[in-house]
Amino acid sequence: MNGNFYLSALDEYEKKPHENPSIGIILCKEKSNRIVEFAFRDTSKPMGVATYRTARELPPEYKGILPDAEKLKELLDE
């Protein structure tokens, strides 16, 4: 199943009426144009691709919302 399936299910069963549609984030250890192409193929929802760089510290406005760099590394290594 692709990410579009999970986003559709999330919006159908979990999203509150006042919330915007869900977005998906795909984290990759290294760049692969082929993986990006396959991940976004045949989807009807708008998507974008960006480079994610970590900093030594999370900006204060994101603390408690986003995981820190160490937690992201742990998640990628699982």
PDB file of N, CA and C in Angstrom:
ATOM      1  N   MET A   1       0.844  -1.182   0.000  1.00  0.00           N
ATOM      2  CA  MET A   1       0.000   0.000   0.000  1.00  0.00           C
ATOM      3  C   MET A   1       0.882   1.236   0.000  1.00  0.00           C
ATOM      4  N   ASN A   2       0.388   2.274  -0.597  1.00  0.00           N
ATOM      5  CA  ASN A   2       1.190   3.486  -0.654  1.00  0.00           C
ATOM      6  C   ASN A   2       0.758   4.508   0.398  1.00  0.00           C
ATOM      7  N   GLY A   3       1.526   5.569   0.496  1.00  0.00           N
ATOM      8  CA  GLY A   3       1.236   6.625   1.464  1.00  0.00           C
ATOM      9  C   GLY A   3      -0.106   7.284   1.232  1.00  0.00           C
ATOM     10  N   ASN A   4      -0.554   7.333  -0.022  1.00  0.00           N
ATOM     11  CA  ASN A   4      -1.835   7.948  -0.331  1.00  0.00           C
ATOM     12  C   ASN A   4      -2.971   7.208   0.377  1.00  0.00           C
ATOM     13  N   PHE A   5      -2.868   5.880   0.466  1.00  0.00           N
ATOM     14  CA  PHE A   5      -3.858   5.076   1.177  1.00  0.00           C
ATOM     15  C   PHE A   5      -3.965   5.512   2.638  1.00  0.00           C
ATOM     16  N   TYR A   6      -2.816   5.628   3.300  1.00  0.00           N
ATOM     17  CA  TYR A   6      -2.807   5.985   4.718  1.00  0.00           C
ATOM     18  C   TYR A   6      -3.304   7.403   4.950  1.00  0.00           C
ATOM     19  N   LEU A   7      -2.938   8.329   4.074  1.00  0.00           N
ATOM     20  CA  LEU A   7      -3.414   9.703   4.215  1.00  0.00           C
ATOM     21  C   LEU A   7      -4.924   9.784   4.022  1.00  0.00           C
ATOM     22  N   SER A   8      -5.441   9.043   3.057  1.00  0.00           N
ATOM     23  CA  SER A   8      -6.887   9.032   2.821  1.00  0.00           C
ATOM     24  C   SER A   8      -7.627   8.453   4.026  1.00  0.00           C
ATOM     25  N   ALA A   9      -7.105   7.365   4.579  1.00  0.00           N
ATOM     26  CA  ALA A   9      -7.729   6.755   5.762  1.00  0.00           C
ATOM     27  C   ALA A   9      -7.666   7.707   6.955  1.00  0.00           C
ATOM     28  N   LEU A  10      -6.541   8.364   7.134  1.00  0.00           N
ATOM     29  CA  LEU A  10      -6.395   9.319   8.235  1.00  0.00           C
ATOM     30  C   LEU A  10      -7.412  10.445   8.102  1.00  0.00           C
ATOM     31  N   ASP A  11      -7.541  10.993   6.900  1.00  0.00           N
ATOM     32  CA  ASP A  11      -8.499  12.074   6.690  1.00  0.00           C
ATOM     33  C   ASP A  11      -9.943  11.606   6.880  1.00  0.00           C
ATOM     34  N   GLU A  12     -10.230  10.392   6.471  1.00  0.00           N
ATOM     35  CA  GLU A  12     -11.595   9.858   6.574  1.00  0.00           C
ATOM     36  C   GLU A  12     -12.000   9.573   8.020  1.00  0.00           C
ATOM     37  N   TYR A  13     -11.083   8.995   8.806  1.00  0.00           N
ATOM     38  CA  TYR A  13     -11.455   8.510  10.132  1.00  0.00           C
ATOM     39  C   TYR A  13     -10.932   9.318  11.312  1.00  0.00           C
ATOM     40  N   GLU A  14      -9.921  10.127  11.121  1.00  0.00           N
ATOM     41  CA  GLU A  14      -9.313  10.828  12.255  1.00  0.00           C
ATOM     42  C   GLU A  14      -9.383  12.361  12.178  1.00  0.00           C
ATOM     43  N   LYS A  15      -9.365  12.899  10.984  1.00  0.00           N
ATOM     44  CA  LYS A  15      -9.310  14.356  10.814  1.00  0.00           C
ATOM     45  C   LYS A  15     -10.586  15.000  11.333  1.00  0.00           C
ATOM     46  N   LYS A  16     -10.411  16.076  12.076  1.00  0.00           N
ATOM     47  CA  LYS A  16     -11.541  16.841  12.595  1.00  0.00           C
ATOM     48  C   LYS A  16     -12.033  17.806  11.511  1.00  0.00           C
ATOM     49  N   PRO A  17     -13.294  18.216  11.552  1.00  0.00           N
ATOM     50  CA  PRO A  17     -13.843  19.094  10.514  1.00  0.00           C
ATOM     51  C   PRO A  17     -13.072  20.407  10.337  1.00  0.00           C
ATOM     52  N   HIS A  18     -12.494  20.918  11.402  1.00  0.00           N
ATOM     53  CA  HIS A  18     -11.781  22.201  11.321  1.00  0.00           C
ATOM     54  C   HIS A  18     -10.324  22.042  10.850  1.00  0.00           C
ATOM     55  N   GLU A  19      -9.840  20.811  10.700  1.00  0.00           N
ATOM     56  CA  GLU A  19      -8.449  20.568  10.303  1.00  0.00           C
ATOM     57  C   GLU A  19      -8.293  20.515   8.790  1.00  0.00           C
ATOM     58  N   ASN A  20      -7.115  20.913   8.324  1.00  0.00           N
ATOM     59  CA  ASN A  20      -6.783  20.819   6.903  1.00  0.00           C
ATOM     60  C   ASN A  20      -6.493  19.372   6.535  1.00  0.00           C
ATOM     61  N   PRO A  21      -6.505  19.043   5.234  1.00  0.00           N
ATOM     62  CA  PRO A  21      -6.154  17.680   4.830  1.00  0.00           C
ATOM     63  C   PRO A  21      -4.747  17.301   5.304  1.00  0.00           C
ATOM     64  N   SER A  22      -4.556  16.027   5.574  1.00  0.00           N
ATOM     65  CA  SER A  22      -3.270  15.529   6.059  1.00  0.00           C
ATOM     66  C   SER A  22      -2.207  15.620   4.979  1.00  0.00           C
ATOM     67  N   ILE A  23      -0.968  15.701   5.411  1.00  0.00           N
ATOM     68  CA  ILE A  23       0.165  15.644   4.493  1.00  0.00           C
ATOM     69  C   ILE A  23       1.048  14.482   4.917  1.00  0.00           C
ATOM     70  N   GLY A  24       1.799  13.946   3.978  1.00  0.00           N
ATOM     71  CA  GLY A  24       2.716  12.860   4.288  1.00  0.00           C
ATOM     72  C   GLY A  24       4.146  13.329   4.173  1.00  0.00           C
ATOM     73  N   ILE A  25       5.002  12.755   4.982  1.00  0.00           N
ATOM     74  CA  ILE A  25       6.428  13.055   4.942  1.00  0.00           C
ATOM     75  C   ILE A  25       7.163  11.731   4.774  1.00  0.00           C
ATOM     76  N   ILE A  26       8.003  11.651   3.763  1.00  0.00           N
ATOM     77  CA  ILE A  26       8.826  10.469   3.544  1.00  0.00           C
ATOM     78  C   ILE A  26      10.256  10.851   3.879  1.00  0.00           C
ATOM     79  N   LEU A  27      10.846  10.174   4.846  1.00  0.00           N
ATOM     80  CA  LEU A  27      12.235  10.441   5.232  1.00  0.00           C
ATOM     81  C   LEU A  27      13.131   9.368   4.635  1.00  0.00           C
ATOM     82  N   CYS A  28      14.192   9.794   3.983  1.00  0.00           N
ATOM     83  CA  CYS A  28      15.140   8.864   3.367  1.00  0.00           C
ATOM     84  C   CYS A  28      16.543   9.173   3.871  1.00  0.00           C
ATOM     85  N   LYS A  29      17.338   8.133   4.060  1.00  0.00           N
ATOM     86  CA  LYS A  29      18.714   8.328   4.496  1.00  0.00           C
ATOM     87  C   LYS A  29      19.553   8.998   3.425  1.00  0.00           C
ATOM     88  N   GLU A  30      19.289   8.702   2.174  1.00  0.00           N
ATOM     89  CA  GLU A  30      20.054   9.293   1.081  1.00  0.00           C
ATOM     90  C   GLU A  30      19.135   9.553  -0.096  1.00  0.00           C
ATOM     91  N   LYS A  31      19.582  10.430  -0.982  1.00  0.00           N
ATOM     92  CA  LYS A  31      18.772  10.832  -2.125  1.00  0.00           C
ATOM     93  C   LYS A  31      18.734   9.731  -3.184  1.00  0.00           C
ATOM     94  N   SER A  32      17.517   9.496  -3.684  1.00  0.00           N
ATOM     95  CA  SER A  32      17.350   8.563  -4.794  1.00  0.00           C
ATOM     96  C   SER A  32      16.175   9.067  -5.630  1.00  0.00           C
ATOM     97  N   ASN A  33      16.466   9.613  -6.799  1.00  0.00           N
ATOM     98  CA  ASN A  33      15.399  10.125  -7.654  1.00  0.00           C
ATOM     99  C   ASN A  33      14.396   9.029  -8.000  1.00  0.00           C
ATOM    100  N   ARG A  34      14.863   7.805  -8.155  1.00  0.00           N
ATOM    101  CA  ARG A  34      13.988   6.695  -8.513  1.00  0.00           C
ATOM    102  C   ARG A  34      12.983   6.421  -7.403  1.00  0.00           C
ATOM    103  N   ILE A  35      13.430   6.447  -6.164  1.00  0.00           N
ATOM    104  CA  ILE A  35      12.522   6.218  -5.037  1.00  0.00           C
ATOM    105  C   ILE A  35      11.477   7.324  -4.977  1.00  0.00           C
ATOM    106  N   VAL A  36      11.905   8.565  -5.189  1.00  0.00           N
ATOM    107  CA  VAL A  36      10.959   9.687  -5.191  1.00  0.00           C
ATOM    108  C   VAL A  36       9.918   9.482  -6.289  1.00  0.00           C
ATOM    109  N   GLU A  37      10.366   9.098  -7.471  1.00  0.00           N
ATOM    110  CA  GLU A  37       9.433   8.867  -8.576  1.00  0.00           C
ATOM    111  C   GLU A  37       8.405   7.795  -8.216  1.00  0.00           C
ATOM    112  N   PHE A  38       8.855   6.689  -7.651  1.00  0.00           N
ATOM    113  CA  PHE A  38       7.930   5.614  -7.296  1.00  0.00           C
ATOM    114  C   PHE A  38       6.993   6.031  -6.154  1.00  0.00           C
ATOM    115  N   ALA A  39       7.504   6.767  -5.196  1.00  0.00           N
ATOM    116  CA  ALA A  39       6.685   7.169  -4.057  1.00  0.00           C
ATOM    117  C   ALA A  39       5.544   8.084  -4.471  1.00  0.00           C
ATOM    118  N   PHE A  40       5.774   8.910  -5.492  1.00  0.00           N
ATOM    119  CA  PHE A  40       4.766   9.895  -5.888  1.00  0.00           C
ATOM    120  C   PHE A  40       3.975   9.499  -7.134  1.00  0.00           C
ATOM    121  N   ARG A  41       4.261   8.368  -7.705  1.00  0.00           N
ATOM    122  CA  ARG A  41       3.577   7.948  -8.928  1.00  0.00           C
ATOM    123  C   ARG A  41       2.108   7.623  -8.640  1.00  0.00           C
ATOM    124  N   ASP A  42       1.256   7.971  -9.572  1.00  0.00           N
ATOM    125  CA  ASP A  42      -0.172   7.624  -9.527  1.00  0.00           C
ATOM    126  C   ASP A  42      -0.914   8.174  -8.312  1.00  0.00           C
ATOM    127  N   THR A  43      -0.540   9.327  -7.837  1.00  0.00           N
ATOM    128  CA  THR A  43      -1.283   9.936  -6.737  1.00  0.00           C
ATOM    129  C   THR A  43      -2.057  11.131  -7.270  1.00  0.00           C
ATOM    130  N   SER A  44      -3.159  11.413  -6.631  1.00  0.00           N
ATOM    131  CA  SER A  44      -3.994  12.526  -7.074  1.00  0.00           C
ATOM    132  C   SER A  44      -3.841  13.746  -6.169  1.00  0.00           C
ATOM    133  N   LYS A  45      -3.062  13.625  -5.118  1.00  0.00           N
ATOM    134  CA  LYS A  45      -2.885  14.728  -4.183  1.00  0.00           C
ATOM    135  C   LYS A  45      -1.615  15.496  -4.512  1.00  0.00           C
ATOM    136  N   PRO A  46      -1.638  16.823  -4.322  1.00  0.00           N
ATOM    137  CA  PRO A  46      -0.418  17.597  -4.591  1.00  0.00           C
ATOM    138  C   PRO A  46       0.698  17.195  -3.628  1.00  0.00           C
ATOM    139  N   MET A  47       1.919  17.137  -4.143  1.00  0.00           N
ATOM    140  CA  MET A  47       3.068  16.754  -3.328  1.00  0.00           C
ATOM    141  C   MET A  47       4.269  17.594  -3.706  1.00  0.00           C
ATOM    142  N   GLY A  48       5.217  17.644  -2.823  1.00  0.00           N
ATOM    143  CA  GLY A  48       6.455  18.352  -3.093  1.00  0.00           C
ATOM    144  C   GLY A  48       7.631  17.535  -2.577  1.00  0.00           C
ATOM    145  N   VAL A  49       8.810  17.890  -3.021  1.00  0.00           N
ATOM    146  CA  VAL A  49      10.034  17.222  -2.596  1.00  0.00           C
ATOM    147  C   VAL A  49      10.980  18.297  -2.079  1.00  0.00           C
ATOM    148  N   ALA A  50      11.612  18.015  -0.958  1.00  0.00           N
ATOM    149  CA  ALA A  50      12.526  18.991  -0.376  1.00  0.00           C
ATOM    150  C   ALA A  50      13.689  18.273   0.283  1.00  0.00           C
ATOM    151  N   THR A  51      14.750  18.994   0.516  1.00  0.00           N
ATOM    152  CA  THR A  51      15.892  18.484   1.257  1.00  0.00           C
ATOM    153  C   THR A  51      15.709  18.869   2.717  1.00  0.00           C
ATOM    154  N   TYR A  52      15.905  17.913   3.584  1.00  0.00           N
ATOM    155  CA  TYR A  52      15.765  18.138   5.020  1.00  0.00           C
ATOM    156  C   TYR A  52      17.149  18.121   5.636  1.00  0.00           C
ATOM    157  N   ARG A  53      17.508  19.198   6.282  1.00  0.00           N
ATOM    158  CA  ARG A  53      18.800  19.259   6.964  1.00  0.00           C
ATOM    159  C   ARG A  53      18.553  19.459   8.445  1.00  0.00           C
ATOM    160  N   THR A  54      19.344  18.796   9.241  1.00  0.00           N
ATOM    161  CA  THR A  54      19.198  18.938  10.684  1.00  0.00           C
ATOM    162  C   THR A  54      20.136  20.020  11.200  1.00  0.00           C
ATOM    163  N   ALA A  55      19.774  20.580  12.320  1.00  0.00           N
ATOM    164  CA  ALA A  55      20.604  21.567  13.006  1.00  0.00           C
ATOM    165  C   ALA A  55      20.964  20.984  14.369  1.00  0.00           C
ATOM    166  N   ARG A  56      21.887  21.598  15.009  1.00  0.00           N
ATOM    167  CA  ARG A  56      22.279  21.101  16.342  1.00  0.00           C
ATOM    168  C   ARG A  56      21.133  21.218  17.335  1.00  0.00           C
ATOM    169  N   GLU A  57      20.358  22.271  17.221  1.00  0.00           N
ATOM    170  CA  GLU A  57      19.226  22.465  18.122  1.00  0.00           C
ATOM    171  C   GLU A  57      17.979  22.781  17.335  1.00  0.00           C
ATOM    172  N   LEU A  58      16.865  22.281  17.825  1.00  0.00           N
ATOM    173  CA  LEU A  58      15.582  22.565  17.220  1.00  0.00           C
ATOM    174  C   LEU A  58      15.169  23.985  17.612  1.00  0.00           C
ATOM    175  N   PRO A  59      14.714  24.800  16.669  1.00  0.00           N
ATOM    176  CA  PRO A  59      14.257  26.145  17.027  1.00  0.00           C
ATOM    177  C   PRO A  59      13.154  26.070  18.090  1.00  0.00           C
ATOM    178  N   PRO A  60      13.121  27.025  19.001  1.00  0.00           N
ATOM    179  CA  PRO A  60      12.159  26.961  20.115  1.00  0.00           C
ATOM    180  C   PRO A  60      10.706  26.789  19.682  1.00  0.00           C
ATOM    181  N   GLU A  61      10.317  27.402  18.551  1.00  0.00           N
ATOM    182  CA  GLU A  61       8.917  27.303  18.132  1.00  0.00           C
ATOM    183  C   GLU A  61       8.521  25.897  17.678  1.00  0.00           C
ATOM    184  N   TYR A  62       9.518  25.023  17.435  1.00  0.00           N
ATOM    185  CA  TYR A  62       9.226  23.655  17.006  1.00  0.00           C
ATOM    186  C   TYR A  62       9.405  22.622  18.116  1.00  0.00           C
ATOM    187  N   LYS A  63       9.956  23.017  19.242  1.00  0.00           N
ATOM    188  CA  LYS A  63      10.139  22.068  20.347  1.00  0.00           C
ATOM    189  C   LYS A  63       8.778  21.578  20.825  1.00  0.00           C
ATOM    190  N   GLY A  64       8.676  20.289  21.002  1.00  0.00           N
ATOM    191  CA  GLY A  64       7.418  19.682  21.410  1.00  0.00           C
ATOM    192  C   GLY A  64       6.510  19.329  20.236  1.00  0.00           C
ATOM    193  N   ILE A  65       6.861  19.821  19.028  1.00  0.00           N
ATOM    194  CA  ILE A  65       6.060  19.515  17.838  1.00  0.00           C
ATOM    195  C   ILE A  65       6.796  18.511  16.962  1.00  0.00           C
ATOM    196  N   LEU A  66       8.083  18.770  16.701  1.00  0.00           N
ATOM    197  CA  LEU A  66       8.898  17.907  15.855  1.00  0.00           C
ATOM    198  C   LEU A  66       9.918  17.154  16.697  1.00  0.00           C
ATOM    199  N   PRO A  67      10.287  15.938  16.298  1.00  0.00           N
ATOM    200  CA  PRO A  67      11.343  15.221  17.018  1.00  0.00           C
ATOM    201  C   PRO A  67      12.699  15.878  16.770  1.00  0.00           C
ATOM    202  N   ASP A  68      13.609  15.740  17.711  1.00  0.00           N
ATOM    203  CA  ASP A  68      14.945  16.300  17.522  1.00  0.00           C
ATOM    204  C   ASP A  68      15.760  15.398  16.593  1.00  0.00           C
ATOM    205  N   ALA A  69      16.958  15.848  16.241  1.00  0.00           N
ATOM    206  CA  ALA A  69      17.801  15.134  15.275  1.00  0.00           C
ATOM    207  C   ALA A  69      18.113  13.716  15.737  1.00  0.00           C
ATOM    208  N   GLU A  70      18.386  13.517  17.009  1.00  0.00           N
ATOM    209  CA  GLU A  70      18.716  12.180  17.515  1.00  0.00           C
ATOM    210  C   GLU A  70      17.537  11.223  17.376  1.00  0.00           C
ATOM    211  N   LYS A  71      16.333  11.705  17.670  1.00  0.00           N
ATOM    212  CA  LYS A  71      15.151  10.852  17.544  1.00  0.00           C
ATOM    213  C   LYS A  71      14.911  10.486  16.079  1.00  0.00           C
ATOM    214  N   LEU A  72      15.111  11.431  15.159  1.00  0.00           N
ATOM    215  CA  LEU A  72      14.965  11.130  13.733  1.00  0.00           C
ATOM    216  C   LEU A  72      15.971  10.074  13.300  1.00  0.00           C
ATOM    217  N   LYS A  73      17.218  10.178  13.778  1.00  0.00           N
ATOM    218  CA  LYS A  73      18.234   9.181  13.453  1.00  0.00           C
ATOM    219  C   LYS A  73      17.827   7.802  13.952  1.00  0.00           C
ATOM    220  N   GLU A  74      17.289   7.744  15.180  1.00  0.00           N
ATOM    221  CA  GLU A  74      16.833   6.464  15.730  1.00  0.00           C
ATOM    222  C   GLU A  74      15.722   5.863  14.864  1.00  0.00           C
ATOM    223  N   LEU A  75      14.782   6.688  14.454  1.00  0.00           N
ATOM    224  CA  LEU A  75      13.659   6.213  13.641  1.00  0.00           C
ATOM    225  C   LEU A  75      14.152   5.691  12.291  1.00  0.00           C
ATOM    226  N   LEU A  76      15.131   6.359  11.695  1.00  0.00           N
ATOM    227  CA  LEU A  76      15.654   5.924  10.404  1.00  0.00           C
ATOM    228  C   LEU A  76      16.462   4.638  10.503  1.00  0.00           C
ATOM    229  N   ASP A  77      17.062   4.392  11.668  1.00  0.00           N
ATOM    230  CA  ASP A  77      17.876   3.201  11.844  1.00  0.00           C
ATOM    231  C   ASP A  77      17.055   1.957  12.199  1.00  0.00           C
ATOM    232  N   GLU A  78      15.770   2.131  12.486  1.00  0.00           N
ATOM    233  CA  GLU A  78      14.933   0.976  12.862  1.00  0.00           C
ATOM    234  C   GLU A  78      14.663   0.091  11.685  1.00  0.00           C
TER     235      GLU A  78
END
